[in-house]
N, C-alpha and C. Protein backbone atom coordinates (compact mmCIF):
# COMPACT_ATOMS: atom_id res chain seq x y z
N UNK A 1 38.11 6.22 -40.91
CA UNK A 1 37.97 7.31 -39.98
C UNK A 1 37.78 8.56 -40.81
N UNK A 2 36.72 9.30 -40.53
CA UNK A 2 36.47 10.53 -41.27
C UNK A 2 35.57 11.44 -40.45
N UNK A 3 35.42 12.67 -40.92
CA UNK A 3 34.47 13.58 -40.31
C UNK A 3 33.07 13.16 -40.75
N UNK A 4 32.10 13.19 -39.84
CA UNK A 4 30.77 12.72 -40.21
C UNK A 4 30.09 13.57 -41.28
N UNK A 5 30.41 14.84 -41.34
CA UNK A 5 29.84 15.71 -42.37
C UNK A 5 28.35 15.95 -42.19
N UNK A 6 27.80 16.70 -43.11
CA UNK A 6 26.40 17.10 -42.99
C UNK A 6 25.44 15.96 -43.32
N UNK A 7 25.90 14.95 -44.02
CA UNK A 7 25.04 13.84 -44.39
C UNK A 7 24.88 12.77 -43.32
N UNK A 8 25.63 12.87 -42.23
CA UNK A 8 25.61 11.83 -41.21
C UNK A 8 24.21 11.62 -40.63
N UNK A 9 23.57 12.70 -40.20
CA UNK A 9 22.25 12.57 -39.57
C UNK A 9 21.23 12.00 -40.54
N UNK A 10 21.23 12.44 -41.78
CA UNK A 10 20.25 11.90 -42.73
C UNK A 10 20.54 10.43 -43.04
N UNK A 11 21.83 10.06 -43.12
CA UNK A 11 22.19 8.65 -43.32
C UNK A 11 21.68 7.82 -42.15
N UNK A 12 21.96 8.27 -40.94
CA UNK A 12 21.54 7.53 -39.74
C UNK A 12 20.02 7.40 -39.71
N UNK A 13 19.33 8.50 -39.96
CA UNK A 13 17.86 8.48 -39.93
C UNK A 13 17.28 7.55 -41.00
N UNK A 14 17.87 7.55 -42.19
CA UNK A 14 17.35 6.68 -43.25
C UNK A 14 17.59 5.21 -42.92
N UNK A 15 18.74 4.88 -42.34
CA UNK A 15 19.01 3.50 -41.95
C UNK A 15 18.10 3.06 -40.81
N UNK A 16 17.80 3.98 -39.90
CA UNK A 16 16.88 3.69 -38.80
C UNK A 16 15.49 3.38 -39.36
N UNK A 17 15.07 4.13 -40.36
CA UNK A 17 13.76 3.94 -40.97
C UNK A 17 13.66 2.59 -41.69
N UNK A 18 14.76 2.08 -42.22
CA UNK A 18 14.73 0.80 -42.93
C UNK A 18 14.73 -0.39 -41.98
N UNK A 19 15.04 -0.15 -40.71
CA UNK A 19 15.12 -1.25 -39.75
C UNK A 19 16.45 -1.96 -39.76
N UNK A 20 17.40 -1.47 -40.55
CA UNK A 20 18.72 -2.11 -40.63
C UNK A 20 19.68 -1.59 -39.56
N UNK A 21 19.32 -0.50 -38.88
CA UNK A 21 20.18 0.10 -37.86
C UNK A 21 19.91 -0.55 -36.51
N UNK A 22 20.99 -1.01 -35.87
CA UNK A 22 20.90 -1.62 -34.55
C UNK A 22 21.82 -0.84 -33.61
N UNK A 23 21.26 -0.10 -32.64
CA UNK A 23 22.09 0.69 -31.73
C UNK A 23 23.04 -0.18 -30.90
N UNK A 24 24.20 0.38 -30.59
CA UNK A 24 25.18 -0.27 -29.72
C UNK A 24 25.45 0.70 -28.56
N UNK A 25 24.77 0.52 -27.44
CA UNK A 25 24.94 1.45 -26.32
C UNK A 25 26.31 1.33 -25.67
N UNK A 26 26.80 2.45 -25.14
CA UNK A 26 28.03 2.46 -24.36
C UNK A 26 29.32 2.47 -25.16
N UNK A 27 29.24 2.71 -26.45
CA UNK A 27 30.43 2.70 -27.29
C UNK A 27 30.47 4.02 -28.06
N UNK A 28 31.21 5.00 -27.55
CA UNK A 28 31.29 6.29 -28.23
C UNK A 28 30.04 7.12 -28.00
N UNK A 29 29.98 8.26 -28.69
CA UNK A 29 28.84 9.15 -28.56
C UNK A 29 27.60 8.61 -29.24
N UNK A 30 27.77 7.90 -30.31
CA UNK A 30 26.69 7.28 -31.05
C UNK A 30 27.29 6.09 -31.77
N UNK A 31 26.76 4.92 -31.53
CA UNK A 31 27.30 3.72 -32.17
C UNK A 31 26.16 2.82 -32.62
N UNK A 32 26.32 2.24 -33.81
CA UNK A 32 25.28 1.38 -34.32
C UNK A 32 25.84 0.47 -35.41
N UNK A 33 25.17 -0.68 -35.58
CA UNK A 33 25.46 -1.58 -36.68
C UNK A 33 24.47 -1.30 -37.79
N UNK A 34 24.94 -1.45 -39.02
CA UNK A 34 24.07 -1.49 -40.18
C UNK A 34 24.17 -2.93 -40.70
N UNK A 35 23.06 -3.64 -40.63
CA UNK A 35 23.04 -5.03 -41.07
C UNK A 35 23.04 -5.12 -42.58
N UNK A 36 23.75 -6.09 -43.07
CA UNK A 36 23.79 -6.39 -44.50
C UNK A 36 23.29 -7.81 -44.71
N UNK A 37 23.22 -8.21 -45.95
CA UNK A 37 22.81 -9.58 -46.26
C UNK A 37 23.87 -10.56 -45.76
N UNK A 38 23.46 -11.74 -45.44
CA UNK A 38 24.41 -12.75 -45.00
C UNK A 38 24.91 -12.49 -43.60
N UNK A 39 26.20 -12.68 -43.39
CA UNK A 39 26.78 -12.56 -42.06
C UNK A 39 27.50 -11.25 -41.83
N UNK A 40 27.28 -10.28 -42.69
CA UNK A 40 28.00 -9.01 -42.60
C UNK A 40 27.21 -7.95 -41.85
N UNK A 41 27.95 -7.08 -41.21
CA UNK A 41 27.41 -5.89 -40.58
C UNK A 41 28.55 -4.87 -40.55
N UNK A 42 28.20 -3.60 -40.50
CA UNK A 42 29.20 -2.54 -40.40
C UNK A 42 28.94 -1.78 -39.12
N UNK A 43 29.99 -1.54 -38.35
CA UNK A 43 29.87 -0.81 -37.09
C UNK A 43 30.32 0.63 -37.31
N UNK A 44 29.42 1.56 -37.02
CA UNK A 44 29.70 3.00 -37.09
C UNK A 44 29.76 3.52 -35.68
N UNK A 45 30.82 4.28 -35.36
CA UNK A 45 30.95 4.87 -34.03
C UNK A 45 31.33 6.33 -34.18
N UNK A 46 30.51 7.20 -33.60
CA UNK A 46 30.79 8.63 -33.61
C UNK A 46 31.45 8.99 -32.29
N UNK A 47 32.63 9.59 -32.37
CA UNK A 47 33.33 10.06 -31.18
C UNK A 47 33.82 11.47 -31.47
N UNK A 48 33.24 12.41 -30.76
CA UNK A 48 33.60 13.81 -31.01
C UNK A 48 33.26 14.19 -32.44
N UNK A 49 34.27 14.62 -33.18
CA UNK A 49 34.08 15.03 -34.57
C UNK A 49 34.62 14.00 -35.55
N UNK A 50 34.75 12.76 -35.09
CA UNK A 50 35.25 11.68 -35.95
C UNK A 50 34.24 10.55 -36.03
N UNK A 51 34.11 9.98 -37.21
CA UNK A 51 33.25 8.84 -37.43
C UNK A 51 34.14 7.66 -37.80
N UNK A 52 34.08 6.62 -37.00
CA UNK A 52 34.86 5.41 -37.21
C UNK A 52 33.95 4.36 -37.82
N UNK A 53 34.40 3.75 -38.90
CA UNK A 53 33.67 2.66 -39.54
C UNK A 53 34.55 1.42 -39.46
N UNK A 54 34.01 0.35 -38.86
CA UNK A 54 34.75 -0.91 -38.72
C UNK A 54 33.93 -2.02 -39.34
N UNK A 55 34.56 -2.79 -40.22
CA UNK A 55 33.90 -3.97 -40.78
C UNK A 55 34.84 -5.17 -40.68
N UNK A 56 34.29 -6.29 -40.30
CA UNK A 56 35.02 -7.55 -40.24
C UNK A 56 34.17 -8.59 -40.96
N UNK A 57 34.78 -9.32 -41.85
CA UNK A 57 34.11 -10.43 -42.54
C UNK A 57 35.03 -11.64 -42.44
N UNK A 58 35.03 -12.25 -41.24
CA UNK A 58 35.90 -13.40 -41.00
C UNK A 58 35.44 -14.62 -41.78
N UNK A 59 36.39 -15.41 -42.21
CA UNK A 59 36.08 -16.64 -42.94
C UNK A 59 35.27 -17.56 -42.02
N UNK A 60 34.11 -17.97 -42.48
CA UNK A 60 33.20 -18.84 -41.73
C UNK A 60 32.70 -18.24 -40.43
N UNK A 61 32.77 -16.90 -40.27
CA UNK A 61 32.24 -16.24 -39.08
C UNK A 61 30.74 -16.11 -39.20
N UNK A 62 30.05 -16.18 -38.08
CA UNK A 62 28.63 -15.85 -38.03
C UNK A 62 28.52 -14.32 -37.94
N UNK A 63 27.33 -13.80 -38.10
CA UNK A 63 27.13 -12.36 -37.95
C UNK A 63 27.54 -11.92 -36.55
N UNK A 64 27.18 -12.70 -35.53
CA UNK A 64 27.53 -12.36 -34.15
C UNK A 64 29.04 -12.31 -33.96
N UNK A 65 29.78 -13.24 -34.58
CA UNK A 65 31.24 -13.23 -34.47
C UNK A 65 31.84 -12.01 -35.17
N UNK A 66 31.33 -11.66 -36.34
CA UNK A 66 31.80 -10.47 -37.03
C UNK A 66 31.54 -9.22 -36.20
N UNK A 67 30.33 -9.11 -35.65
CA UNK A 67 29.98 -7.95 -34.84
C UNK A 67 30.85 -7.87 -33.58
N UNK A 68 31.10 -9.00 -32.95
CA UNK A 68 31.94 -9.03 -31.76
C UNK A 68 33.37 -8.56 -32.09
N UNK A 69 33.90 -9.03 -33.21
CA UNK A 69 35.24 -8.61 -33.63
C UNK A 69 35.27 -7.12 -33.94
N UNK A 70 34.23 -6.61 -34.56
CA UNK A 70 34.16 -5.17 -34.86
C UNK A 70 34.14 -4.35 -33.57
N UNK A 71 33.36 -4.80 -32.60
CA UNK A 71 33.29 -4.09 -31.33
C UNK A 71 34.63 -4.12 -30.60
N UNK A 72 35.30 -5.25 -30.64
CA UNK A 72 36.62 -5.37 -30.00
C UNK A 72 37.61 -4.40 -30.64
N UNK A 73 37.62 -4.34 -31.96
CA UNK A 73 38.52 -3.41 -32.66
C UNK A 73 38.19 -1.96 -32.33
N UNK A 74 36.90 -1.62 -32.35
CA UNK A 74 36.48 -0.25 -32.04
C UNK A 74 36.89 0.14 -30.63
N UNK A 75 36.72 -0.77 -29.69
CA UNK A 75 37.08 -0.50 -28.29
C UNK A 75 38.58 -0.23 -28.16
N UNK A 76 39.39 -0.90 -28.96
CA UNK A 76 40.84 -0.69 -28.93
C UNK A 76 41.22 0.62 -29.62
N UNK A 77 40.50 1.01 -30.65
CA UNK A 77 40.83 2.20 -31.44
C UNK A 77 40.35 3.50 -30.78
N UNK A 78 39.15 3.49 -30.23
CA UNK A 78 38.54 4.73 -29.73
C UNK A 78 39.39 5.52 -28.75
N UNK A 79 40.06 4.91 -27.78
CA UNK A 79 40.89 5.71 -26.86
C UNK A 79 42.04 6.44 -27.55
N UNK A 80 42.39 6.02 -28.74
CA UNK A 80 43.51 6.63 -29.46
C UNK A 80 43.08 7.82 -30.33
N UNK A 81 41.78 8.06 -30.40
CA UNK A 81 41.30 9.17 -31.23
C UNK A 81 41.33 10.48 -30.46
């Protein structure tokens, strides 16, 4: 959890340009996955002036299972911010 800072928009735009950014509608003000190699992905959620980063790399999880777990955690955390 951190402040997005001035680099947030350029980071988001550069990831969008690479095709690695996958939007997640309905979760915070701005939410997206950044896909990595293998079964990993990182979930970024902007809420107000806070940027939440959630990553899950479950043993033998598929990418979909990791992403689902990340979304579940973010959904539980966001109301507390």
